Amino acid sequence: MSDPGPFSQVKPVRAYEAIVAQFDEAIRSGAIRPGDRLPSERELMRQFGVGRSTVREALRVLQSNGMVRSRPGDRRGPEVVSFSTELLHRPMEALLNVGQVTLYELIFFRMVTEGSLAGLAATRSGVDPDGVAQLWSLVQDLKDGAARGMQHFLKADSAFHEGVSRVAGSNFLAVQNDVVRNAARNYLATNMDTPVRRSDYMTRAIESHELLVRHIEAGEQHAATRMNHHTILAHYSVFFTDDEAARLRAFFVDPPGGGG
């Protein structure tokens, strides 16, 4: 049997896919940066040596992937956009919806990331008093959002958690938590089928967020972390079996030795 060597068979690549791959590499390498404008369709046709339909299909894919955007009536070329965690929201929600990731797994991971961010924020509250002051402002936004309805509240809630992440100063944890929190939050909002349940959820969430900011402001790292764990579990426990809820409580809320 002959040695296959270091290479493997390749599949034919469509022209528009090759163009997308080149743009992807240019953006990753920094040759093209957020805010840059791409050349016109005519110029792209010339540079790539392809027809208009191929260029338009490549641009359509780039736009659907959130890599570029075009505004109606704008005669300039498409704009390269900054990466956003929103690009990761849909895949995570899809994993949850088709059962490849369970809500239990999602909440477990969220308690890890969000609890860590809360604790980190408490350790840094003294060096970022402006950030802590902004958290109090974001709590007020939560109250205003609750008065206007669930969607306004959820938008304010996202801003609040982004504020905690800024004080914590960990972008990597913040990105992970944003993706997981979005999927879990949308699941919760979809499955709270009565205005009474939603109102109760918003009231309890505001109270817990206020207490969390007090812990962060006081530099109480362990209290902030445990408060966050308790709040998340309280919001989602109705969706878990008794065994799942007990495991989360034992691991996060009531660990052996009291958790420090």
C-alpha atoms as a PDB file:
ATOM      1  CA  MET A   1       0.000   0.000   0.000  1.00  0.00           C
ATOM      2  CA  SER A   2       1.498   3.327  -1.035  1.00  0.00           C
ATOM      3  CA  ASP A   3       2.203   6.064   1.479  1.00  0.00           C
ATOM      4  CA  PRO A   4      -0.614   8.683   1.249  1.00  0.00           C
ATOM      5  CA  GLY A   5       1.878  11.426   2.085  1.00  0.00           C
ATOM      6  CA  PRO A   6       1.180  14.622   4.031  1.00  0.00           C
ATOM      7  CA  PHE A   7      -1.769  15.704   1.849  1.00  0.00           C
ATOM      8  CA  SER A   8      -5.394  14.677   1.516  1.00  0.00           C
ATOM      9  CA  GLN A   9      -7.947  14.953  -1.230  1.00  0.00           C
ATOM     10  CA  VAL A  10      -9.612  18.319  -1.708  1.00  0.00           C
ATOM     11  CA  LYS A  11     -13.151  19.236  -2.597  1.00  0.00           C
ATOM     12  CA  PRO A  12     -13.934  21.773  -5.312  1.00  0.00           C
ATOM     13  CA  VAL A  13     -14.538  25.239  -3.888  1.00  0.00           C
ATOM     14  CA  ARG A  14     -17.033  27.625  -5.415  1.00  0.00           C
ATOM     15  CA  ALA A  15     -15.675  31.002  -6.428  1.00  0.00           C
ATOM     16  CA  TYR A  16     -17.748  32.948  -3.881  1.00  0.00           C
ATOM     17  CA  GLU A  17     -16.524  30.640  -1.094  1.00  0.00           C
ATOM     18  CA  ALA A  18     -12.920  31.366  -2.074  1.00  0.00           C
ATOM     19  CA  ILE A  19     -13.673  35.097  -1.916  1.00  0.00           C
ATOM     20  CA  VAL A  20     -15.238  34.734   1.541  1.00  0.00           C
ATOM     21  CA  ALA A  21     -12.169  32.781   2.702  1.00  0.00           C
ATOM     22  CA  GLN A  22      -9.878  35.577   1.491  1.00  0.00           C
ATOM     23  CA  PHE A  23     -11.906  38.235   3.290  1.00  0.00           C
ATOM     24  CA  ASP A  24     -11.967  36.114   6.440  1.00  0.00           C
ATOM     25  CA  GLU A  25      -8.187  35.783   6.377  1.00  0.00           C
ATOM     26  CA  ALA A  26      -7.712  39.507   5.663  1.00  0.00           C
ATOM     27  CA  ILE A  27      -9.915  40.430   8.639  1.00  0.00           C
ATOM     28  CA  ARG A  28      -8.228  37.922  10.948  1.00  0.00           C
ATOM     29  CA  SER A  29      -4.741  39.112   9.959  1.00  0.00           C
ATOM     30  CA  GLY A  30      -5.638  42.801  10.390  1.00  0.00           C
ATOM     31  CA  ALA A  31      -5.090  43.628   6.729  1.00  0.00           C
ATOM     32  CA  ILE A  32      -8.705  44.800   6.790  1.00  0.00           C
ATOM     33  CA  ARG A  33      -9.940  46.406  10.007  1.00  0.00           C
ATOM     34  CA  PRO A  34     -13.335  47.322  11.485  1.00  0.00           C
ATOM     35  CA  GLY A  35     -14.517  50.566   9.925  1.00  0.00           C
ATOM     36  CA  ASP A  36     -12.691  49.986   6.628  1.00  0.00           C
ATOM     37  CA  ARG A  37     -14.704  50.139   3.432  1.00  0.00           C
ATOM     38  CA  LEU A  38     -14.510  47.423   0.829  1.00  0.00           C
ATOM     39  CA  PRO A  39     -14.026  48.345  -2.828  1.00  0.00           C
ATOM     40  CA  SER A  40     -17.011  48.737  -5.114  1.00  0.00           C
ATOM     41  CA  GLU A  41     -18.589  45.695  -6.742  1.00  0.00           C
ATOM     42  CA  ARG A  42     -16.937  46.604 -10.035  1.00  0.00           C
ATOM     43  CA  GLU A  43     -13.508  46.818  -8.409  1.00  0.00           C
ATOM     44  CA  LEU A  44     -14.048  43.542  -6.555  1.00  0.00           C
ATOM     45  CA  MET A  45     -15.017  41.899  -9.860  1.00  0.00           C
ATOM     46  CA  ARG A  46     -11.763  43.136 -11.348  1.00  0.00           C
ATOM     47  CA  GLN A  47      -9.575  42.087  -8.409  1.00  0.00           C
ATOM     48  CA  PHE A  48     -11.045  38.605  -8.093  1.00  0.00           C
ATOM     49  CA  GLY A  49     -11.608  38.026 -11.793  1.00  0.00           C
ATOM     50  CA  VAL A  50     -15.227  36.939 -11.333  1.00  0.00           C
ATOM     51  CA  GLY A  51     -18.693  38.084 -12.363  1.00  0.00           C
ATOM     52  CA  ARG A  52     -21.086  40.358 -10.494  1.00  0.00           C
ATOM     53  CA  SER A  53     -23.301  37.514  -9.244  1.00  0.00           C
ATOM     54  CA  THR A  54     -20.301  35.810  -7.610  1.00  0.00           C
ATOM     55  CA  VAL A  55     -19.244  39.010  -5.844  1.00  0.00           C
ATOM     56  CA  ARG A  56     -22.794  39.632  -4.640  1.00  0.00           C
ATOM     57  CA  GLU A  57     -23.121  36.105  -3.284  1.00  0.00           C
ATOM     58  CA  ALA A  58     -19.826  36.490  -1.409  1.00  0.00           C
ATOM     59  CA  LEU A  59     -20.982  39.807   0.062  1.00  0.00           C
ATOM     60  CA  ARG A  60     -24.306  38.239   1.043  1.00  0.00           C
ATOM     61  CA  VAL A  61     -22.475  35.510   2.981  1.00  0.00           C
ATOM     62  CA  LEU A  62     -20.138  38.025   4.616  1.00  0.00           C
ATOM     63  CA  GLN A  63     -23.114  40.119   5.669  1.00  0.00           C
ATOM     64  CA  SER A  64     -25.056  37.144   7.043  1.00  0.00           C
ATOM     65  CA  ASN A  65     -21.950  36.165   9.020  1.00  0.00           C
ATOM     66  CA  GLY A  66     -21.843  39.631  10.561  1.00  0.00           C
ATOM     67  CA  MET A  67     -18.481  40.486   9.010  1.00  0.00           C
ATOM     68  CA  VAL A  68     -19.611  43.395   6.818  1.00  0.00           C
ATOM     69  CA  ARG A  69     -22.698  45.571   6.521  1.00  0.00           C
ATOM     70  CA  SER A  70     -24.222  47.674   3.790  1.00  0.00           C
ATOM     71  CA  ARG A  71     -26.648  50.527   4.264  1.00  0.00           C
ATOM     72  CA  PRO A  72     -29.399  51.192   1.693  1.00  0.00           C
ATOM     73  CA  GLY A  73     -28.547  54.223  -0.420  1.00  0.00           C
ATOM     74  CA  ASP A  74     -24.921  54.320   0.729  1.00  0.00           C
ATOM     75  CA  ARG A  75     -22.766  54.577  -2.391  1.00  0.00           C
ATOM     76  CA  ARG A  76     -19.637  53.644  -0.501  1.00  0.00           C
ATOM     77  CA  GLY A  77     -18.565  50.024  -0.331  1.00  0.00           C
ATOM     78  CA  PRO A  78     -19.664  47.653   2.461  1.00  0.00           C
ATOM     79  CA  GLU A  79     -18.191  48.421   5.881  1.00  0.00           C
ATOM     80  CA  VAL A  80     -16.149  45.910   7.866  1.00  0.00           C
ATOM     81  CA  VAL A  81     -17.736  45.612  11.310  1.00  0.00           C
ATOM     82  CA  SER A  82     -16.288  44.814  14.698  1.00  0.00           C
ATOM     83  CA  PHE A  83     -16.815  41.341  16.095  1.00  0.00           C
ATOM     84  CA  SER A  84     -19.855  41.072  18.317  1.00  0.00           C
ATOM     85  CA  THR A  85     -20.841  38.313  20.729  1.00  0.00           C
ATOM     86  CA  GLU A  86     -24.273  38.485  19.098  1.00  0.00           C
ATOM     87  CA  LEU A  87     -22.802  36.344  16.325  1.00  0.00           C
ATOM     88  CA  LEU A  88     -22.519  33.523  18.875  1.00  0.00           C
ATOM     89  CA  HIS A  89     -26.023  33.886  20.310  1.00  0.00           C
ATOM     90  CA  ARG A  90     -27.897  31.990  17.611  1.00  0.00           C
ATOM     91  CA  PRO A  91     -25.650  28.879  17.587  1.00  0.00           C
ATOM     92  CA  MET A  92     -25.901  28.570  21.381  1.00  0.00           C
ATOM     93  CA  GLU A  93     -29.681  28.960  21.312  1.00  0.00           C
ATOM     94  CA  ALA A  94     -29.844  26.343  18.550  1.00  0.00           C
ATOM     95  CA  LEU A  95     -27.815  23.894  20.641  1.00  0.00           C
ATOM     96  CA  LEU A  96     -30.234  24.416  23.522  1.00  0.00           C
ATOM     97  CA  ASN A  97     -33.345  24.125  21.360  1.00  0.00           C
ATOM     98  CA  VAL A  98     -32.296  20.845  19.724  1.00  0.00           C
ATOM     99  CA  GLY A  99     -31.205  19.310  23.015  1.00  0.00           C
ATOM    100  CA  GLN A 100     -27.472  19.046  22.340  1.00  0.00           C
ATOM    101  CA  VAL A 101     -26.976  21.294  25.361  1.00  0.00           C
ATOM    102  CA  THR A 102     -29.378  21.005  28.284  1.00  0.00           C
ATOM    103  CA  LEU A 103     -30.646  23.924  30.323  1.00  0.00           C
ATOM    104  CA  TYR A 104     -29.002  22.334  33.360  1.00  0.00           C
ATOM    105  CA  GLU A 105     -25.591  22.370  31.647  1.00  0.00           C
ATOM    106  CA  LEU A 106     -26.130  25.927  30.483  1.00  0.00           C
ATOM    107  CA  ILE A 107     -27.047  27.196  33.942  1.00  0.00           C
ATOM    108  CA  PHE A 108     -24.170  25.291  35.535  1.00  0.00           C
ATOM    109  CA  PHE A 109     -21.746  27.067  33.209  1.00  0.00           C
ATOM    110  CA  ARG A 110     -23.455  30.402  33.710  1.00  0.00           C
ATOM    111  CA  MET A 111     -23.091  30.064  37.485  1.00  0.00           C
ATOM    112  CA  VAL A 112     -19.378  29.438  36.988  1.00  0.00           C
ATOM    113  CA  THR A 113     -18.772  32.440  34.707  1.00  0.00           C
ATOM    114  CA  GLU A 114     -21.203  34.945  36.186  1.00  0.00           C
ATOM    115  CA  GLY A 115     -20.318  34.100  39.766  1.00  0.00           C
ATOM    116  CA  SER A 116     -16.635  34.576  38.908  1.00  0.00           C
ATOM    117  CA  LEU A 117     -17.358  37.947  37.312  1.00  0.00           C
ATOM    118  CA  ALA A 118     -19.309  39.087  40.379  1.00  0.00           C
ATOM    119  CA  GLY A 119     -16.445  38.075  42.676  1.00  0.00           C
ATOM    120  CA  LEU A 120     -13.842  39.734  40.452  1.00  0.00           C
ATOM    121  CA  ALA A 121     -15.900  42.930  40.353  1.00  0.00           C
ATOM    122  CA  ALA A 122     -15.924  43.009  44.159  1.00  0.00           C
ATOM    123  CA  THR A 123     -12.120  42.693  44.264  1.00  0.00           C
ATOM    124  CA  ARG A 124     -11.780  45.632  41.854  1.00  0.00           C
ATOM    125  CA  SER A 125     -14.509  47.923  43.187  1.00  0.00           C
ATOM    126  CA  GLY A 126     -11.967  50.066  44.990  1.00  0.00           C
ATOM    127  CA  VAL A 127     -10.043  50.806  41.792  1.00  0.00           C
ATOM    128  CA  ASP A 128     -13.155  51.478  39.716  1.00  0.00           C
ATOM    129  CA  PRO A 129     -15.543  53.586  41.809  1.00  0.00           C
ATOM    130  CA  ASP A 130     -16.984  55.130  38.644  1.00  0.00           C
ATOM    131  CA  GLY A 131     -17.881  51.652  37.409  1.00  0.00           C
ATOM    132  CA  VAL A 132     -19.647  50.868  40.673  1.00  0.00           C
ATOM    133  CA  ALA A 133     -21.527  54.171  40.497  1.00  0.00           C
ATOM    134  CA  GLN A 134     -22.653  53.219  37.008  1.00  0.00           C
ATOM    135  CA  LEU A 135     -23.973  49.915  38.363  1.00  0.00           C
ATOM    136  CA  TRP A 136     -26.334  51.838  40.642  1.00  0.00           C
ATOM    137  CA  SER A 137     -27.499  53.813  37.609  1.00  0.00           C
ATOM    138  CA  LEU A 138     -28.071  50.545  35.743  1.00  0.00           C
ATOM    139  CA  VAL A 139     -30.176  49.251  38.654  1.00  0.00           C
ATOM    140  CA  GLN A 140     -32.412  52.280  38.198  1.00  0.00           C
ATOM    141  CA  ASP A 141     -32.613  51.452  34.486  1.00  0.00           C
ATOM    142  CA  LEU A 142     -33.802  47.981  35.506  1.00  0.00           C
ATOM    143  CA  LYS A 143     -36.621  49.509  37.529  1.00  0.00           C
ATOM    144  CA  ASP A 144     -37.575  51.780  34.647  1.00  0.00           C
ATOM    145  CA  GLY A 145     -37.457  48.853  32.230  1.00  0.00           C
ATOM    146  CA  ALA A 146     -39.656  46.718  34.461  1.00  0.00           C
ATOM    147  CA  ALA A 147     -42.289  49.440  34.451  1.00  0.00           C
ATOM    148  CA  ARG A 148     -42.309  49.367  30.635  1.00  0.00           C
ATOM    149  CA  GLY A 149     -42.468  45.603  30.164  1.00  0.00           C
ATOM    150  CA  MET A 150     -40.417  42.429  29.926  1.00  0.00           C
ATOM    151  CA  GLN A 151     -38.484  43.253  26.749  1.00  0.00           C
ATOM    152  CA  HIS A 152     -37.354  46.619  28.124  1.00  0.00           C
ATOM    153  CA  PHE A 153     -36.374  44.927  31.372  1.00  0.00           C
ATOM    154  CA  LEU A 154     -34.313  42.273  29.577  1.00  0.00           C
ATOM    155  CA  LYS A 155     -32.468  44.945  27.617  1.00  0.00           C
ATOM    156  CA  ALA A 156     -31.662  46.784  30.864  1.00  0.00           C
ATOM    157  CA  ASP A 157     -30.660  43.483  32.469  1.00  0.00           C
ATOM    158  CA  SER A 158     -28.123  42.838  29.693  1.00  0.00           C
ATOM    159  CA  ALA A 159     -26.674  46.320  30.204  1.00  0.00           C
ATOM    160  CA  PHE A 160     -26.401  45.663  33.949  1.00  0.00           C
ATOM    161  CA  HIS A 161     -24.432  42.446  33.480  1.00  0.00           C
ATOM    162  CA  GLU A 162     -22.199  44.147  30.922  1.00  0.00           C
ATOM    163  CA  GLY A 163     -21.539  46.762  33.612  1.00  0.00           C
ATOM    164  CA  VAL A 164     -20.538  44.077  36.118  1.00  0.00           C
ATOM    165  CA  SER A 165     -18.225  42.579  33.494  1.00  0.00           C
ATOM    166  CA  ARG A 166     -16.557  45.940  32.903  1.00  0.00           C
ATOM    167  CA  VAL A 167     -15.855  46.368  36.608  1.00  0.00           C
ATOM    168  CA  ALA A 168     -14.559  42.770  36.758  1.00  0.00           C
ATOM    169  CA  GLY A 169     -12.153  43.526  33.913  1.00  0.00           C
ATOM    170  CA  SER A 170     -12.206  40.060  32.305  1.00  0.00           C
ATOM    171  CA  ASN A 171     -13.187  40.255  28.643  1.00  0.00           C
ATOM    172  CA  PHE A 172     -12.823  36.526  28.067  1.00  0.00           C
ATOM    173  CA  LEU A 173     -15.166  35.585  30.917  1.00  0.00           C
ATOM    174  CA  ALA A 174     -17.530  38.348  29.833  1.00  0.00           C
ATOM    175  CA  VAL A 175     -17.802  36.986  26.267  1.00  0.00           C
ATOM    176  CA  GLN A 176     -18.532  33.457  27.471  1.00  0.00           C
ATOM    177  CA  ASN A 177     -21.069  34.667  30.005  1.00  0.00           C
ATOM    178  CA  ASP A 178     -22.845  36.926  27.509  1.00  0.00           C
ATOM    179  CA  VAL A 179     -23.468  34.040  25.115  1.00  0.00           C
ATOM    180  CA  VAL A 180     -24.663  31.641  27.810  1.00  0.00           C
ATOM    181  CA  ARG A 181     -26.744  34.246  29.660  1.00  0.00           C
ATOM    182  CA  ASN A 182     -28.522  35.285  26.451  1.00  0.00           C
ATOM    183  CA  ALA A 183     -29.603  31.721  25.649  1.00  0.00           C
ATOM    184  CA  ALA A 184     -30.710  31.006  29.215  1.00  0.00           C
ATOM    185  CA  ARG A 185     -32.505  34.328  29.571  1.00  0.00           C
ATOM    186  CA  ASN A 186     -34.449  33.854  26.326  1.00  0.00           C
ATOM    187  CA  TYR A 187     -35.441  30.365  27.421  1.00  0.00           C
ATOM    188  CA  LEU A 188     -36.716  31.729  30.716  1.00  0.00           C
ATOM    189  CA  ALA A 189     -38.610  34.605  29.087  1.00  0.00           C
ATOM    190  CA  THR A 190     -40.242  32.272  26.553  1.00  0.00           C
ATOM    191  CA  ASN A 191     -41.362  29.831  29.226  1.00  0.00           C
ATOM    192  CA  MET A 192     -42.766  32.397  31.662  1.00  0.00           C
ATOM    193  CA  ASP A 193     -46.247  32.285  30.217  1.00  0.00           C
ATOM    194  CA  THR A 194     -48.135  34.704  32.463  1.00  0.00           C
ATOM    195  CA  PRO A 195     -47.746  38.413  33.237  1.00  0.00           C
ATOM    196  CA  VAL A 196     -47.836  37.548  36.962  1.00  0.00           C
ATOM    197  CA  ARG A 197     -44.813  35.283  36.694  1.00  0.00           C
ATOM    198  CA  ARG A 198     -42.921  37.876  34.665  1.00  0.00           C
ATOM    199  CA  SER A 199     -43.726  40.630  37.148  1.00  0.00           C
ATOM    200  CA  ASP A 200     -42.596  38.457  40.046  1.00  0.00           C
ATOM    201  CA  TYR A 201     -39.385  37.571  38.208  1.00  0.00           C
ATOM    202  CA  MET A 202     -38.562  41.220  37.513  1.00  0.00           C
ATOM    203  CA  THR A 203     -39.266  42.257  41.114  1.00  0.00           C
ATOM    204  CA  ARG A 204     -37.027  39.528  42.538  1.00  0.00           C
ATOM    205  CA  ALA A 205     -34.322  40.251  39.969  1.00  0.00           C
ATOM    206  CA  ILE A 206     -34.189  43.948  40.862  1.00  0.00           C
ATOM    207  CA  GLU A 207     -33.904  43.127  44.570  1.00  0.00           C
ATOM    208  CA  SER A 208     -31.088  40.654  43.974  1.00  0.00           C
ATOM    209  CA  HIS A 209     -29.242  43.031  41.627  1.00  0.00           C
ATOM    210  CA  GLU A 210     -29.363  45.776  44.249  1.00  0.00           C
ATOM    211  CA  LEU A 211     -27.926  43.427  46.859  1.00  0.00           C
ATOM    212  CA  LEU A 212     -25.240  42.291  44.433  1.00  0.00           C
ATOM    213  CA  VAL A 213     -24.112  45.878  43.853  1.00  0.00           C
ATOM    214  CA  ARG A 214     -23.911  46.414  47.630  1.00  0.00           C
ATOM    215  CA  HIS A 215     -21.599  43.405  47.932  1.00  0.00           C
ATOM    216  CA  ILE A 216     -19.477  44.594  45.009  1.00  0.00           C
ATOM    217  CA  GLU A 217     -19.267  48.127  46.386  1.00  0.00           C
ATOM    218  CA  ALA A 218     -18.202  46.787  49.803  1.00  0.00           C
ATOM    219  CA  GLY A 219     -15.529  44.571  48.217  1.00  0.00           C
ATOM    220  CA  GLU A 220     -17.207  41.416  49.537  1.00  0.00           C
ATOM    221  CA  GLN A 221     -15.899  38.918  47.007  1.00  0.00           C
ATOM    222  CA  HIS A 222     -17.343  35.673  48.387  1.00  0.00           C
ATOM    223  CA  ALA A 223     -20.677  37.275  49.262  1.00  0.00           C
ATOM    224  CA  ALA A 224     -20.995  38.678  45.721  1.00  0.00           C
ATOM    225  CA  THR A 225     -20.193  35.305  44.178  1.00  0.00           C
ATOM    226  CA  ARG A 226     -22.588  33.382  46.418  1.00  0.00           C
ATOM    227  CA  MET A 227     -25.317  35.985  45.939  1.00  0.00           C
ATOM    228  CA  ASN A 228     -25.017  35.555  42.204  1.00  0.00           C
ATOM    229  CA  HIS A 229     -25.182  31.761  42.465  1.00  0.00           C
ATOM    230  CA  HIS A 230     -28.230  31.894  44.712  1.00  0.00           C
ATOM    231  CA  THR A 231     -30.041  34.333  42.407  1.00  0.00           C
ATOM    232  CA  ILE A 232     -29.473  32.309  39.246  1.00  0.00           C
ATOM    233  CA  LEU A 233     -30.585  29.103  40.929  1.00  0.00           C
ATOM    234  CA  ALA A 234     -33.704  30.803  42.294  1.00  0.00           C
ATOM    235  CA  HIS A 235     -34.656  32.060  38.816  1.00  0.00           C
ATOM    236  CA  TYR A 236     -34.237  28.720  37.042  1.00  0.00           C
ATOM    237  CA  SER A 237     -34.900  26.042  39.687  1.00  0.00           C
ATOM    238  CA  VAL A 238     -38.497  25.642  38.492  1.00  0.00           C
ATOM    239  CA  PHE A 239     -37.142  24.176  35.248  1.00  0.00           C
ATOM    240  CA  PHE A 240     -34.952  21.558  36.957  1.00  0.00           C
ATOM    241  CA  THR A 241     -35.675  18.173  38.471  1.00  0.00           C
ATOM    242  CA  ASP A 242     -35.250  17.950  42.247  1.00  0.00           C
ATOM    243  CA  ASP A 243     -31.994  16.079  41.709  1.00  0.00           C
ATOM    244  CA  GLU A 244     -30.585  18.710  39.336  1.00  0.00           C
ATOM    245  CA  ALA A 245     -31.516  21.561  41.675  1.00  0.00           C
ATOM    246  CA  ALA A 246     -29.955  19.712  44.620  1.00  0.00           C
ATOM    247  CA  ARG A 247     -26.715  19.173  42.714  1.00  0.00           C
ATOM    248  CA  LEU A 248     -26.457  22.844  41.750  1.00  0.00           C
ATOM    249  CA  ARG A 249     -27.228  23.928  45.293  1.00  0.00           C
ATOM    250  CA  ALA A 250     -24.638  21.542  46.755  1.00  0.00           C
ATOM    251  CA  PHE A 251     -21.953  22.649  44.310  1.00  0.00           C
ATOM    252  CA  PHE A 252     -22.527  26.400  44.291  1.00  0.00           C
ATOM    253  CA  VAL A 253     -24.762  27.581  47.112  1.00  0.00           C
ATOM    254  CA  ASP A 254     -24.045  25.172  49.972  1.00  0.00           C
ATOM    255  CA  PRO A 255     -20.576  23.729  49.253  1.00  0.00           C
ATOM    256  CA  PRO A 256     -18.798  21.657  51.928  1.00  0.00           C
ATOM    257  CA  GLY A 257     -17.252  23.900  54.542  1.00  0.00           C
ATOM    258  CA  GLY A 258     -19.559  26.811  53.683  1.00  0.00           C
ATOM    259  CA  GLY A 259     -17.638  27.876  50.570  1.00  0.00           C
ATOM    260  CA  GLY A 260     -15.207  30.189  52.394  1.00  0.00           C
END
